[in-house]
Structures are given as structure tokens and as C-alpha cells.
Amino acid sequence: MKVWKEKFVLGITGIIGSGKSTVSRIFEEFGAIRISTDELAKVYTTKESPVLEKIKELVDENIFTGDGEVDRKKIASIVFKDKGKLDKLNSLIHPLVFQKSKEMFENIQGGIVIAWEVPLLFESGSDKMCDATLTVSLDPSLCFDRVQRREDMSLEEYNDRLNNQMSLETKLSLSNFFIINDKNIPALKDSCRDVLKQIHQYKGQ
């Protein structure tokens, strides 16, 4: 059953390093509107965040860099080793992010596809806001290689994050679509085109 009238929200997820952002940007290139919950969430881990004081209380350590900015990497290193703190942090930030996402959905006019990138799509229940879901699939060892190339993250830090997510197998079993991201960008674009073709066929029914 369609969730949204005159638009189609495709929830895009996958484990860390699988290529969710690359896939959502390809959909954007093909005419979709891209919304990233990670990008929205960054607003709530800045000095202007309405929940900054609660984050400081939760972490109970200095969370500022020498330049006075919020140190997101330090926050992550603390909460991903303590599931209780991670759950509390998510309970502070996720409702704000998803309310903002919903407002953006409602303000978008016309029968357009919205590529909504949500790392914890199923874990947070956000799949209920989607007309369909897609998991980007890649072997976890290859995901770690990609994460290492783009940012300074140890294997221990990577596993801490991975262990706090639903398994790739479970994400795949819950998804309407999946894309295996183990080749090159042209192949990835072909896979995205195939998904969009199916979505447009469904929308036309």
C-alpha cells in the first residue's frame, strides 16, 4: 500500500561502508530528490543543537575540540562502546531527524521519487514511512576497506558500529529491493536504473 500520495519515498539502507550515499546520489542524478538522515543529524551535534546539553550530560566528558567545535568522532567512540548511551543518544536525535524528514516529504510537490538514506532504517522503524525499501549490499570486509580509505577508523571502531546495526542478511530479508555494490560505478548506475524502472511501473498502476 502506498504511504505517500503523488510521491514515492524509497528508503535506502545498508551496513557502514556499503555505498548507501553513492547509490542515493545516483538516484539524485537520475531525477530523484535525495535526503540523508546522516546529514540532517549533523545539525544536532553542533554548538547550535537544541539537545546539546543533554548530549553533554549523556557523554559526561568534554566533547569539544580545541577549536571549540563539537567532536563527533569522540562522541561516536564513547557511545558505540556503550549500547545504553547509544540508545539514549539515538532517542534524542532520531525523533528530530525523522520529524524534519517528514516535513521535507510533505513539502515536496509532484509525483517524484525521494531517495531517503537512513542507516538504521529498519532498526528505527523508519521503513514505515517508506513506499519501498532498498538495501545496498557488500561484503563487510570490503566495506571496511572502503571506510578505511575515506576516513581514519580502526577495525575495532568499525566493528563497534557494525555490531550496533542489524545484520546485512536481515536488512536484505526485509527490503523490497537490493543492489549488490561490488563492481564499478557504471554497473551501479545500471542497477539503480533497474530499480527506478520498477518504481515507475508501480507508480503507473
Protein backbone atom coordinates (compact mmCIF):
# COMPACT_ATOMS: atom_id res chain seq x y z
CA MET A 1 0.00 0.00 0.00
CA LYS A 2 1.28 3.45 -0.90
CA VAL A 3 2.28 5.58 2.09
CA TRP A 4 2.56 8.91 0.25
CA LYS A 5 0.23 10.31 -2.38
CA GLU A 6 1.76 11.75 -5.56
CA LYS A 7 5.33 10.91 -4.47
CA PHE A 8 7.35 7.78 -3.78
CA VAL A 9 9.69 7.51 -0.79
CA LEU A 10 12.42 4.90 -1.28
CA GLY A 11 14.24 4.16 1.97
CA ILE A 12 17.89 3.31 1.27
CA THR A 13 19.97 1.45 3.83
CA GLY A 14 22.93 -0.92 4.20
CA ILE A 15 25.81 -1.52 6.59
CA ILE A 16 28.53 1.09 7.08
CA GLY A 17 30.73 1.42 4.01
CA SER A 18 28.37 -0.39 1.63
CA GLY A 19 27.81 2.64 -0.60
CA LYS A 20 24.43 3.99 0.55
CA SER A 21 25.43 7.57 -0.15
CA THR A 22 26.80 6.75 -3.59
CA VAL A 23 23.56 4.98 -4.51
CA SER A 24 21.36 7.81 -3.21
CA ARG A 25 23.43 10.34 -5.19
CA ILE A 26 22.99 8.25 -8.34
CA PHE A 27 19.23 8.31 -7.79
CA GLU A 28 19.54 12.09 -7.41
CA GLU A 29 21.45 12.25 -10.69
CA PHE A 30 18.54 10.36 -12.28
CA GLY A 31 16.00 12.91 -11.04
CA ALA A 32 15.14 11.81 -7.51
CA ILE A 33 15.32 14.13 -4.52
CA ARG A 34 17.99 12.94 -2.09
CA ILE A 35 17.59 13.30 1.67
CA SER A 36 20.28 11.96 4.00
CA THR A 37 19.43 11.46 7.67
CA ASP A 38 23.16 11.44 8.48
CA GLU A 39 23.45 14.95 7.03
CA LEU A 40 20.34 16.11 8.90
CA ALA A 41 21.63 14.58 12.14
CA LYS A 42 24.84 16.63 11.99
CA VAL A 43 22.77 19.72 12.77
CA TYR A 44 22.00 18.20 16.17
CA THR A 45 25.66 17.61 17.03
CA THR A 46 26.78 21.21 16.67
CA LYS A 47 27.04 24.06 19.17
CA GLU A 48 23.60 25.22 17.99
CA SER A 49 21.94 21.87 18.71
CA PRO A 50 18.74 22.12 20.81
CA VAL A 51 19.78 18.89 22.57
CA LEU A 52 23.47 19.73 23.10
CA GLU A 53 23.19 19.99 26.89
CA LYS A 54 21.54 16.57 27.05
CA ILE A 55 24.31 15.11 24.85
CA LYS A 56 26.95 16.60 27.17
CA GLU A 57 25.20 15.08 30.19
CA LEU A 58 24.93 11.71 28.46
CA VAL A 59 28.56 11.50 27.36
CA ASP A 60 29.81 13.02 30.63
CA GLU A 61 33.13 14.07 29.07
CA ASN A 62 34.46 17.11 27.27
CA ILE A 63 33.06 16.79 23.73
CA PHE A 64 34.65 19.88 22.22
CA THR A 65 37.72 20.14 20.01
CA GLY A 66 40.50 22.63 20.64
CA ASP A 67 38.71 24.94 18.18
CA GLY A 68 35.54 24.83 20.26
CA GLU A 69 33.58 22.67 17.82
CA VAL A 70 31.66 19.54 18.81
CA ASP A 71 33.91 16.48 18.42
CA ARG A 72 31.60 13.98 16.69
CA LYS A 73 34.34 11.35 16.47
CA LYS A 74 34.81 11.44 20.25
CA ILE A 75 31.07 11.15 20.85
CA ALA A 76 30.97 8.15 18.49
CA SER A 77 33.93 6.48 20.21
CA ILE A 78 32.07 6.69 23.53
CA VAL A 79 28.53 5.71 22.55
CA PHE A 80 29.41 2.87 20.20
CA LYS A 81 31.08 1.09 23.13
CA ASP A 82 28.05 1.54 25.37
CA LYS A 83 24.72 0.42 23.92
CA GLY A 84 22.77 2.16 26.68
CA LYS A 85 24.37 5.51 25.82
CA LEU A 86 23.94 4.86 22.10
CA ASP A 87 20.24 4.14 22.57
CA LYS A 88 19.82 7.32 24.61
CA LEU A 89 21.67 9.41 22.04
CA ASN A 90 19.50 7.97 19.27
CA SER A 91 16.38 8.72 21.31
CA LEU A 92 17.47 12.37 21.46
CA ILE A 93 18.41 12.83 17.81
CA HIS A 94 16.32 10.39 15.78
CA PRO A 95 12.89 11.92 16.51
CA LEU A 96 14.18 15.34 15.45
CA VAL A 97 15.71 13.97 12.25
CA PHE A 98 12.64 11.99 11.28
CA GLN A 99 10.30 14.89 12.01
CA LYS A 100 12.46 17.08 9.76
CA SER A 101 12.43 14.37 7.08
CA LYS A 102 8.64 14.12 7.27
CA GLU A 103 8.30 17.88 6.87
CA MET A 104 10.55 17.75 3.82
CA PHE A 105 8.48 14.91 2.31
CA GLU A 106 5.28 16.87 2.83
CA ASN A 107 6.70 20.00 1.20
CA ILE A 108 7.85 18.19 -1.94
CA GLN A 109 5.29 18.57 -4.69
CA GLY A 110 4.54 16.26 -7.60
CA GLY A 111 5.00 12.59 -8.38
CA ILE A 112 8.69 12.42 -7.69
CA VAL A 113 10.89 9.72 -6.19
CA ILE A 114 12.57 10.64 -2.89
CA ALA A 115 15.81 8.76 -2.18
CA TRP A 116 15.83 8.74 1.63
CA GLU A 117 19.13 7.47 3.02
CA VAL A 118 18.69 6.02 6.51
CA PRO A 119 21.45 3.83 8.02
CA LEU A 120 19.12 2.49 10.75
CA LEU A 121 16.06 2.27 8.50
CA PHE A 122 14.60 -0.93 9.95
CA GLU A 123 16.09 -0.64 13.43
CA SER A 124 14.35 2.72 13.96
CA GLY A 125 11.05 1.69 12.37
CA SER A 126 11.51 4.33 9.67
CA ASP A 127 10.64 1.80 6.97
CA LYS A 128 7.01 2.51 7.90
CA MET A 129 7.46 5.98 6.37
CA CYS A 130 8.54 4.47 3.04
CA ASP A 131 6.71 3.25 -0.03
CA ALA A 132 9.56 0.78 -0.64
CA THR A 133 12.95 -0.06 0.84
CA LEU A 134 16.33 -0.87 -0.68
CA THR A 135 19.44 -2.38 0.88
CA VAL A 136 22.86 -1.76 -0.64
CA SER A 137 24.81 -4.99 -0.22
CA LEU A 138 28.56 -5.53 0.02
CA ASP A 139 30.74 -7.99 1.93
CA PRO A 140 31.64 -6.44 5.34
CA SER A 141 35.39 -6.93 4.78
CA LEU A 142 35.17 -4.87 1.58
CA CYS A 143 33.06 -2.29 3.40
CA PHE A 144 35.82 -1.84 5.99
CA ASP A 145 38.41 -1.35 3.23
CA ARG A 146 36.26 1.43 1.77
CA VAL A 147 35.72 3.08 5.16
CA GLN A 148 39.46 2.99 5.84
CA ARG A 149 40.19 4.74 2.56
CA ARG A 150 37.80 7.61 3.24
CA GLU A 151 38.33 8.19 6.97
CA ASP A 152 40.57 7.34 9.89
CA MET A 153 38.73 4.41 11.51
CA SER A 154 40.26 1.35 13.13
CA LEU A 155 38.88 -2.17 12.66
CA GLU A 156 37.76 -2.09 16.31
CA GLU A 157 35.82 1.14 15.74
CA TYR A 158 34.31 -0.28 12.57
CA ASN A 159 33.19 -3.45 14.33
CA ASP A 160 31.73 -1.40 17.21
CA ARG A 161 29.49 0.38 14.70
CA LEU A 162 28.70 -2.76 12.73
CA ASN A 163 27.71 -4.65 15.88
CA ASN A 164 25.18 -1.95 16.73
CA GLN A 165 23.38 -2.39 13.40
CA MET A 166 21.01 -5.07 12.15
CA SER A 167 22.86 -7.73 10.17
CA LEU A 168 23.13 -7.34 6.40
CA GLU A 169 21.22 -10.59 5.93
CA THR A 170 18.28 -9.30 7.99
CA LYS A 171 18.23 -5.96 6.16
CA LEU A 172 18.14 -7.82 2.85
CA SER A 173 15.31 -10.07 4.00
CA LEU A 174 13.20 -7.02 4.94
CA SER A 175 13.86 -4.99 1.78
CA ASN A 176 11.77 -4.66 -1.36
CA PHE A 177 14.89 -4.13 -3.47
CA PHE A 178 18.60 -4.77 -3.14
CA ILE A 179 21.68 -3.66 -5.06
CA ILE A 180 25.00 -5.51 -4.87
CA ASN A 181 27.71 -2.86 -4.96
CA ASP A 182 30.73 -4.99 -5.84
CA LYS A 183 31.57 -3.70 -9.30
CA ASN A 184 32.15 -0.23 -10.79
CA ILE A 185 30.09 2.95 -10.98
CA PRO A 186 28.61 2.22 -14.45
CA ALA A 187 27.35 -1.15 -13.16
CA LEU A 188 25.97 0.54 -10.05
CA LYS A 189 24.15 3.08 -12.23
CA ASP A 190 22.63 0.24 -14.27
CA SER A 191 21.32 -1.34 -11.05
CA CYS A 192 19.82 1.98 -9.94
CA ARG A 193 18.14 2.41 -13.34
CA ASP A 194 16.58 -1.05 -12.98
CA VAL A 195 15.15 -0.15 -9.56
CA LEU A 196 13.81 3.17 -10.83
CA LYS A 197 12.18 1.43 -13.78
CA GLN A 198 10.35 -0.91 -11.41
CA ILE A 199 9.31 2.01 -9.19
CA HIS A 200 7.90 3.99 -12.12
CA GLN A 201 5.99 0.90 -13.31
CA TYR A 202 4.48 0.57 -9.84
CA LYS A 203 3.62 4.26 -9.68
CA GLY A 204 1.81 3.97 -13.01
CA GLN A 205 -0.52 1.26 -11.80
